[in-house]
Amino acid sequence: MGKKYDDALKLIEADKFYSPKEAVALVKKTASTKFDSTVEVAFRLGVNPKYPDQQVRGALVLPNGTGKSKTVMVFAKGPKVAEAEAAGADFVGGEEYVDKIKNGWMAFDVCIATPDMMGLVGRLGKILGPRGLMPNPKVGTVTMDVTRAVKESKAGKIEYRTDKSGNVQAPIGKASFTEEQLLQNYMTLADTLVKVKPAGAKGQYMKTITMSCTMGPGVKVDVLKANSDK
């Protein structure tokens, strides 16, 4: 994997499970890329997403943002167009953007739509869906409150969702963040996952937690301290 990776790996005890605070400190130390690495957390949950009552999905705003500026596309019409623009949306429109997206244009990170535009946006399901960009009321991207949706997206809103194996992976900031900022973001995500535990989930809910930065080794977090800031 390279000398930098090997050097970073030496800082981590292979069989040790760290507290979230210790893990954050280690991840910052193992960041060795020339660019500002993204810090991510992967949770393996004791759920089976193929059952409706065991799915975990939602969105939250990280208190310190993600460190990445998001480009926001809003499908709206009438007064909502001006509202979205005033809130800071990068692109706002309707039919003309449907055609652009069908022709390969994808210059945005978040897609928001008012409910009355979903008939139009629905034509893009096969394009936006696989990319995780399809507006969805469950994560607040189908709404009449476009001001709030745009501002939250710009402020560091992230979406979380279990994959087929029951894993949730999400960014919690950049390696340049302070340890306190990363820990606050981690705690917000961990607390949220605990609160949204599905009714159908049986047995141990959080099975493993791994924190890492881009191209860096994983640091195992003690699941018994999953939402502890110590």
C-alpha atoms as a PDB file:
ATOM      1  CA  MET A   1       0.000   0.000   0.000  1.00  0.00           C
ATOM      2  CA  GLY A   2       3.014   2.294   0.228  1.00  0.00           C
ATOM      3  CA  LYS A   3       5.406   3.555   2.891  1.00  0.00           C
ATOM      4  CA  LYS A   4       3.055   6.278   4.183  1.00  0.00           C
ATOM      5  CA  TYR A   5       0.288   3.747   4.681  1.00  0.00           C
ATOM      6  CA  ASP A   6       2.651   1.347   6.455  1.00  0.00           C
ATOM      7  CA  ASP A   7       3.879   4.155   8.735  1.00  0.00           C
ATOM      8  CA  ALA A   8       0.291   5.109   9.552  1.00  0.00           C
ATOM      9  CA  LEU A   9      -0.588   1.487  10.273  1.00  0.00           C
ATOM     10  CA  LYS A  10       2.174   1.304  12.892  1.00  0.00           C
ATOM     11  CA  LEU A  11       0.347   3.940  14.944  1.00  0.00           C
ATOM     12  CA  ILE A  12      -2.683   1.668  15.362  1.00  0.00           C
ATOM     13  CA  GLU A  13      -2.858  -1.378  17.635  1.00  0.00           C
ATOM     14  CA  ALA A  14      -4.459  -4.049  15.478  1.00  0.00           C
ATOM     15  CA  ASP A  15      -6.470  -5.747  18.242  1.00  0.00           C
ATOM     16  CA  LYS A  16      -7.471  -2.623  20.128  1.00  0.00           C
ATOM     17  CA  PHE A  17     -10.867  -0.943  20.100  1.00  0.00           C
ATOM     18  CA  TYR A  18     -10.589   2.786  20.694  1.00  0.00           C
ATOM     19  CA  SER A  19     -12.986   5.307  22.196  1.00  0.00           C
ATOM     20  CA  PRO A  20     -14.409   7.788  19.650  1.00  0.00           C
ATOM     21  CA  LYS A  21     -12.143  10.519  21.040  1.00  0.00           C
ATOM     22  CA  GLU A  22      -9.049   8.327  20.718  1.00  0.00           C
ATOM     23  CA  ALA A  23     -10.084   7.226  17.219  1.00  0.00           C
ATOM     24  CA  VAL A  24     -10.461  10.814  16.027  1.00  0.00           C
ATOM     25  CA  ALA A  25      -6.982  11.686  17.293  1.00  0.00           C
ATOM     26  CA  LEU A  26      -5.488   8.624  15.567  1.00  0.00           C
ATOM     27  CA  VAL A  27      -7.235   9.264  12.264  1.00  0.00           C
ATOM     28  CA  LYS A  28      -5.853  12.792  12.181  1.00  0.00           C
ATOM     29  CA  LYS A  29      -2.352  11.417  12.822  1.00  0.00           C
ATOM     30  CA  THR A  30      -2.681   8.859  10.015  1.00  0.00           C
ATOM     31  CA  ALA A  31      -3.769  11.416   7.405  1.00  0.00           C
ATOM     32  CA  SER A  32      -0.824  11.478   4.993  1.00  0.00           C
ATOM     33  CA  THR A  33      -2.262  12.656   1.663  1.00  0.00           C
ATOM     34  CA  LYS A  34      -1.128  15.909   0.080  1.00  0.00           C
ATOM     35  CA  PHE A  35      -4.780  16.988  -0.155  1.00  0.00           C
ATOM     36  CA  ASP A  36      -7.201  17.515   2.729  1.00  0.00           C
ATOM     37  CA  SER A  37      -8.427  13.981   3.387  1.00  0.00           C
ATOM     38  CA  THR A  38     -12.056  13.208   4.113  1.00  0.00           C
ATOM     39  CA  VAL A  39     -12.731  11.492   7.432  1.00  0.00           C
ATOM     40  CA  GLU A  40     -15.403   8.798   7.239  1.00  0.00           C
ATOM     41  CA  VAL A  41     -17.123   6.423   9.623  1.00  0.00           C
ATOM     42  CA  ALA A  42     -18.551   3.027   8.705  1.00  0.00           C
ATOM     43  CA  PHE A  43     -21.144   1.403  10.982  1.00  0.00           C
ATOM     44  CA  ARG A  44     -22.072  -2.254  10.545  1.00  0.00           C
ATOM     45  CA  LEU A  45     -25.570  -2.551  11.940  1.00  0.00           C
ATOM     46  CA  GLY A  46     -27.495  -5.609  13.067  1.00  0.00           C
ATOM     47  CA  VAL A  47     -30.291  -5.106  10.546  1.00  0.00           C
ATOM     48  CA  ASN A  48     -31.485  -6.781   7.371  1.00  0.00           C
ATOM     49  CA  PRO A  49     -32.448  -3.963   4.952  1.00  0.00           C
ATOM     50  CA  LYS A  50     -34.470  -6.274   2.712  1.00  0.00           C
ATOM     51  CA  TYR A  51     -37.213  -6.076   5.356  1.00  0.00           C
ATOM     52  CA  PRO A  52     -39.104  -2.748   5.424  1.00  0.00           C
ATOM     53  CA  ASP A  53     -39.106  -2.621   9.243  1.00  0.00           C
ATOM     54  CA  GLN A  54     -35.296  -2.909   9.394  1.00  0.00           C
ATOM     55  CA  GLN A  55     -34.271  -0.169   6.986  1.00  0.00           C
ATOM     56  CA  VAL A  56     -32.218   2.760   8.256  1.00  0.00           C
ATOM     57  CA  ARG A  57     -32.348   5.914   6.185  1.00  0.00           C
ATOM     58  CA  GLY A  58     -32.446   9.630   6.805  1.00  0.00           C
ATOM     59  CA  ALA A  59     -30.500  12.874   6.817  1.00  0.00           C
ATOM     60  CA  LEU A  60     -28.908  15.152   9.375  1.00  0.00           C
ATOM     61  CA  VAL A  61     -26.948  18.382   9.549  1.00  0.00           C
ATOM     62  CA  LEU A  62     -23.449  18.021  10.969  1.00  0.00           C
ATOM     63  CA  PRO A  63     -22.731  20.831  13.463  1.00  0.00           C
ATOM     64  CA  ASN A  64     -19.379  21.608  11.839  1.00  0.00           C
ATOM     65  CA  GLY A  65     -20.274  20.800   8.241  1.00  0.00           C
ATOM     66  CA  THR A  66     -18.418  18.363   6.007  1.00  0.00           C
ATOM     67  CA  GLY A  67     -15.682  20.685   4.792  1.00  0.00           C
ATOM     68  CA  LYS A  68     -17.022  20.408   1.266  1.00  0.00           C
ATOM     69  CA  SER A  69     -19.082  23.038  -0.501  1.00  0.00           C
ATOM     70  CA  LYS A  70     -22.083  21.372  -2.147  1.00  0.00           C
ATOM     71  CA  THR A  71     -23.623  22.425  -5.435  1.00  0.00           C
ATOM     72  CA  VAL A  72     -27.414  22.415  -5.140  1.00  0.00           C
ATOM     73  CA  MET A  73     -29.971  21.895  -7.910  1.00  0.00           C
ATOM     74  CA  VAL A  74     -33.619  22.793  -7.195  1.00  0.00           C
ATOM     75  CA  PHE A  75     -36.599  21.835  -9.334  1.00  0.00           C
ATOM     76  CA  ALA A  76     -39.249  24.481  -8.701  1.00  0.00           C
ATOM     77  CA  LYS A  77     -41.662  26.854 -10.385  1.00  0.00           C
ATOM     78  CA  GLY A  78     -43.501  30.081  -9.649  1.00  0.00           C
ATOM     79  CA  PRO A  79     -42.514  31.961  -6.446  1.00  0.00           C
ATOM     80  CA  LYS A  80     -40.414  29.000  -5.318  1.00  0.00           C
ATOM     81  CA  VAL A  81     -37.847  29.764  -8.017  1.00  0.00           C
ATOM     82  CA  ALA A  82     -36.954  33.124  -6.470  1.00  0.00           C
ATOM     83  CA  GLU A  83     -37.061  31.578  -2.988  1.00  0.00           C
ATOM     84  CA  ALA A  84     -34.553  28.883  -3.969  1.00  0.00           C
ATOM     85  CA  GLU A  85     -32.254  31.422  -5.615  1.00  0.00           C
ATOM     86  CA  ALA A  86     -32.375  33.669  -2.559  1.00  0.00           C
ATOM     87  CA  ALA A  87     -31.482  30.703  -0.332  1.00  0.00           C
ATOM     88  CA  GLY A  88     -28.322  30.092  -2.346  1.00  0.00           C
ATOM     89  CA  ALA A  89     -29.268  27.341  -4.805  1.00  0.00           C
ATOM     90  CA  ASP A  90     -26.778  27.060  -7.654  1.00  0.00           C
ATOM     91  CA  PHE A  91     -29.291  25.939 -10.279  1.00  0.00           C
ATOM     92  CA  VAL A  92     -33.079  26.396 -10.289  1.00  0.00           C
ATOM     93  CA  GLY A  93     -35.546  25.466 -12.999  1.00  0.00           C
ATOM     94  CA  GLY A  94     -37.740  22.803 -14.534  1.00  0.00           C
ATOM     95  CA  GLU A  95     -38.108  21.171 -17.932  1.00  0.00           C
ATOM     96  CA  GLU A  96     -34.898  22.681 -19.307  1.00  0.00           C
ATOM     97  CA  TYR A  97     -32.842  20.956 -16.596  1.00  0.00           C
ATOM     98  CA  VAL A  98     -34.577  17.625 -17.181  1.00  0.00           C
ATOM     99  CA  ASP A  99     -33.357  17.763 -20.771  1.00  0.00           C
ATOM    100  CA  LYS A 100     -29.834  18.773 -19.715  1.00  0.00           C
ATOM    101  CA  ILE A 101     -29.583  15.896 -17.241  1.00  0.00           C
ATOM    102  CA  LYS A 102     -30.864  13.425 -19.843  1.00  0.00           C
ATOM    103  CA  ASN A 103     -28.051  14.651 -22.085  1.00  0.00           C
ATOM    104  CA  GLY A 104     -25.404  13.925 -19.460  1.00  0.00           C
ATOM    105  CA  TRP A 105     -25.179  17.126 -17.408  1.00  0.00           C
ATOM    106  CA  MET A 106     -24.616  16.325 -13.719  1.00  0.00           C
ATOM    107  CA  ALA A 107     -22.919  19.425 -12.247  1.00  0.00           C
ATOM    108  CA  PHE A 108     -24.556  19.197  -8.794  1.00  0.00           C
ATOM    109  CA  ASP A 109     -24.184  17.280  -5.531  1.00  0.00           C
ATOM    110  CA  VAL A 110     -27.715  17.661  -4.134  1.00  0.00           C
ATOM    111  CA  CYS A 111     -31.070  17.635  -5.902  1.00  0.00           C
ATOM    112  CA  ILE A 112     -34.128  19.205  -4.255  1.00  0.00           C
ATOM    113  CA  ALA A 113     -37.662  19.430  -5.634  1.00  0.00           C
ATOM    114  CA  THR A 114     -40.998  20.861  -4.587  1.00  0.00           C
ATOM    115  CA  PRO A 115     -43.786  18.221  -4.504  1.00  0.00           C
ATOM    116  CA  ASP A 116     -45.518  19.711  -7.555  1.00  0.00           C
ATOM    117  CA  MET A 117     -42.363  19.109  -9.612  1.00  0.00           C
ATOM    118  CA  MET A 118     -41.977  15.403  -8.836  1.00  0.00           C
ATOM    119  CA  GLY A 119     -44.026  14.355 -11.855  1.00  0.00           C
ATOM    120  CA  LEU A 120     -41.367  16.017 -13.982  1.00  0.00           C
ATOM    121  CA  VAL A 121     -38.392  14.864 -11.908  1.00  0.00           C
ATOM    122  CA  GLY A 122     -39.742  11.311 -11.910  1.00  0.00           C
ATOM    123  CA  ARG A 123     -38.596  11.011 -15.531  1.00  0.00           C
ATOM    124  CA  LEU A 124     -35.025  11.142 -14.216  1.00  0.00           C
ATOM    125  CA  GLY A 125     -35.373   8.250 -11.785  1.00  0.00           C
ATOM    126  CA  LYS A 126     -33.085   5.897 -13.714  1.00  0.00           C
ATOM    127  CA  ILE A 127     -30.398   8.582 -13.887  1.00  0.00           C
ATOM    128  CA  LEU A 128     -30.599  10.182 -10.438  1.00  0.00           C
ATOM    129  CA  GLY A 129     -31.589   7.086  -8.468  1.00  0.00           C
ATOM    130  CA  PRO A 130     -28.385   5.034  -8.924  1.00  0.00           C
ATOM    131  CA  ARG A 131     -26.333   8.126  -8.027  1.00  0.00           C
ATOM    132  CA  GLY A 132     -28.242   8.721  -4.807  1.00  0.00           C
ATOM    133  CA  LEU A 133     -29.497  12.074  -6.091  1.00  0.00           C
ATOM    134  CA  MET A 134     -33.211  11.401  -6.507  1.00  0.00           C
ATOM    135  CA  PRO A 135     -35.244  13.805  -4.319  1.00  0.00           C
ATOM    136  CA  ASN A 136     -36.931  11.969  -1.466  1.00  0.00           C
ATOM    137  CA  PRO A 137     -39.293  13.269   1.252  1.00  0.00           C
ATOM    138  CA  LYS A 138     -37.669  10.910   3.806  1.00  0.00           C
ATOM    139  CA  VAL A 139     -34.434  12.912   3.663  1.00  0.00           C
ATOM    140  CA  GLY A 140     -36.065  16.312   3.225  1.00  0.00           C
ATOM    141  CA  THR A 141     -35.266  16.862  -0.435  1.00  0.00           C
ATOM    142  CA  VAL A 142     -38.908  16.859  -1.543  1.00  0.00           C
ATOM    143  CA  THR A 143     -40.374  19.861   0.238  1.00  0.00           C
ATOM    144  CA  MET A 144     -42.125  23.202  -0.160  1.00  0.00           C
ATOM    145  CA  ASP A 145     -39.668  24.693   2.331  1.00  0.00           C
ATOM    146  CA  VAL A 146     -36.913  25.105  -0.244  1.00  0.00           C
ATOM    147  CA  THR A 147     -35.181  27.797   1.817  1.00  0.00           C
ATOM    148  CA  ARG A 148     -34.536  25.386   4.660  1.00  0.00           C
ATOM    149  CA  ALA A 149     -33.601  22.514   2.356  1.00  0.00           C
ATOM    150  CA  VAL A 150     -31.063  24.577   0.416  1.00  0.00           C
ATOM    151  CA  LYS A 151     -29.509  26.164   3.498  1.00  0.00           C
ATOM    152  CA  GLU A 152     -29.191  22.812   5.280  1.00  0.00           C
ATOM    153  CA  SER A 153     -27.524  21.256   2.235  1.00  0.00           C
ATOM    154  CA  LYS A 154     -25.074  24.143   2.046  1.00  0.00           C
ATOM    155  CA  ALA A 155     -24.429  23.981   5.806  1.00  0.00           C
ATOM    156  CA  GLY A 156     -23.310  20.349   5.864  1.00  0.00           C
ATOM    157  CA  LYS A 157     -26.359  18.127   5.598  1.00  0.00           C
ATOM    158  CA  ILE A 158     -25.549  14.492   4.886  1.00  0.00           C
ATOM    159  CA  GLU A 159     -27.705  11.515   4.024  1.00  0.00           C
ATOM    160  CA  TYR A 160     -27.244   8.082   5.561  1.00  0.00           C
ATOM    161  CA  ARG A 161     -28.635   4.780   4.357  1.00  0.00           C
ATOM    162  CA  THR A 162     -27.910   1.111   4.925  1.00  0.00           C
ATOM    163  CA  ASP A 163     -26.489  -0.793   1.986  1.00  0.00           C
ATOM    164  CA  LYS A 164     -27.497  -4.372   1.179  1.00  0.00           C
ATOM    165  CA  SER A 165     -25.261  -5.686   3.958  1.00  0.00           C
ATOM    166  CA  GLY A 166     -26.578  -3.355   6.653  1.00  0.00           C
ATOM    167  CA  ASN A 167     -23.652  -0.939   6.581  1.00  0.00           C
ATOM    168  CA  VAL A 168     -23.898   2.836   6.909  1.00  0.00           C
ATOM    169  CA  GLN A 169     -20.921   4.861   5.709  1.00  0.00           C
ATOM    170  CA  ALA A 170     -20.808   8.652   5.933  1.00  0.00           C
ATOM    171  CA  PRO A 171     -18.308  11.530   6.013  1.00  0.00           C
ATOM    172  CA  ILE A 172     -17.824  13.479   9.242  1.00  0.00           C
ATOM    173  CA  GLY A 173     -15.430  16.167   8.033  1.00  0.00           C
ATOM    174  CA  LYS A 174     -11.879  16.730   6.865  1.00  0.00           C
ATOM    175  CA  ALA A 175      -8.495  15.861   8.363  1.00  0.00           C
ATOM    176  CA  SER A 176      -7.891  19.600   8.766  1.00  0.00           C
ATOM    177  CA  PHE A 177     -10.795  19.823  11.232  1.00  0.00           C
ATOM    178  CA  THR A 178      -9.916  20.018  14.909  1.00  0.00           C
ATOM    179  CA  GLU A 179     -10.366  16.887  17.005  1.00  0.00           C
ATOM    180  CA  GLU A 180     -13.273  18.579  18.758  1.00  0.00           C
ATOM    181  CA  GLN A 181     -15.033  19.369  15.464  1.00  0.00           C
ATOM    182  CA  LEU A 182     -14.657  15.799  14.194  1.00  0.00           C
ATOM    183  CA  LEU A 183     -15.816  14.356  17.519  1.00  0.00           C
ATOM    184  CA  GLN A 184     -18.896  16.608  17.552  1.00  0.00           C
ATOM    185  CA  ASN A 185     -19.784  15.540  14.020  1.00  0.00           C
ATOM    186  CA  TYR A 186     -19.207  11.873  14.866  1.00  0.00           C
ATOM    187  CA  MET A 187     -21.379  12.121  17.983  1.00  0.00           C
ATOM    188  CA  THR A 188     -24.211  13.718  16.005  1.00  0.00           C
ATOM    189  CA  LEU A 189     -24.162  10.846  13.516  1.00  0.00           C
ATOM    190  CA  ALA A 190     -23.813   8.097  16.137  1.00  0.00           C
ATOM    191  CA  ASP A 191     -26.588   9.541  18.320  1.00  0.00           C
ATOM    192  CA  THR A 192     -28.864   9.797  15.300  1.00  0.00           C
ATOM    193  CA  LEU A 193     -28.302   6.166  14.301  1.00  0.00           C
ATOM    194  CA  VAL A 194     -29.097   5.051  17.849  1.00  0.00           C
ATOM    195  CA  LYS A 195     -32.321   7.095  17.868  1.00  0.00           C
ATOM    196  CA  VAL A 196     -33.532   5.695  14.529  1.00  0.00           C
ATOM    197  CA  LYS A 197     -32.941   2.048  15.455  1.00  0.00           C
ATOM    198  CA  PRO A 198     -35.663   0.123  13.560  1.00  0.00           C
ATOM    199  CA  ALA A 199     -38.346  -1.646  15.567  1.00  0.00           C
ATOM    200  CA  GLY A 200     -37.580  -4.842  13.676  1.00  0.00           C
ATOM    201  CA  ALA A 201     -33.885  -4.892  14.620  1.00  0.00           C
ATOM    202  CA  LYS A 202     -33.140  -7.721  17.061  1.00  0.00           C
ATOM    203  CA  GLY A 203     -30.011  -8.511  19.037  1.00  0.00           C
ATOM    204  CA  GLN A 204     -26.915  -6.308  18.950  1.00  0.00           C
ATOM    205  CA  TYR A 205     -27.648  -3.193  16.915  1.00  0.00           C
ATOM    206  CA  MET A 206     -24.178  -1.683  16.415  1.00  0.00           C
ATOM    207  CA  LYS A 207     -21.814  -4.522  15.537  1.00  0.00           C
ATOM    208  CA  THR A 208     -18.682  -2.739  14.359  1.00  0.00           C
ATOM    209  CA  ILE A 209     -17.580   0.864  13.864  1.00  0.00           C
ATOM    210  CA  THR A 210     -14.541   1.851  11.822  1.00  0.00           C
ATOM    211  CA  MET A 211     -13.175   5.370  11.365  1.00  0.00           C
ATOM    212  CA  SER A 212     -10.677   6.274   8.648  1.00  0.00           C
ATOM    213  CA  CYS A 213      -9.437   9.022   6.366  1.00  0.00           C
ATOM    214  CA  THR A 214      -8.927   8.886   2.606  1.00  0.00           C
ATOM    215  CA  MET A 215      -6.279   6.282   1.706  1.00  0.00           C
ATOM    216  CA  GLY A 216      -5.625   5.688   5.415  1.00  0.00           C
ATOM    217  CA  PRO A 217      -6.007   2.578   7.606  1.00  0.00           C
ATOM    218  CA  GLY A 218      -9.180   1.933   9.577  1.00  0.00           C
ATOM    219  CA  VAL A 219      -9.368   2.580  13.316  1.00  0.00           C
ATOM    220  CA  LYS A 220     -11.766   0.295  15.188  1.00  0.00           C
ATOM    221  CA  VAL A 221     -14.119   2.067  17.586  1.00  0.00           C
ATOM    222  CA  ASP A 222     -15.411   0.348  20.723  1.00  0.00           C
ATOM    223  CA  VAL A 223     -19.130  -0.220  20.094  1.00  0.00           C
ATOM    224  CA  LEU A 224     -19.751  -0.067  23.862  1.00  0.00           C
ATOM    225  CA  LYS A 225     -18.611   3.544  23.680  1.00  0.00           C
ATOM    226  CA  ALA A 226     -20.272   4.220  20.313  1.00  0.00           C
ATOM    227  CA  ASN A 227     -21.955   7.449  21.390  1.00  0.00           C
ATOM    228  CA  SER A 228     -19.562   8.481  24.137  1.00  0.00           C
ATOM    229  CA  ASP A 229     -17.524  11.653  23.772  1.00  0.00           C
ATOM    230  CA  LYS A 230     -14.831  10.412  26.175  1.00  0.00           C
END
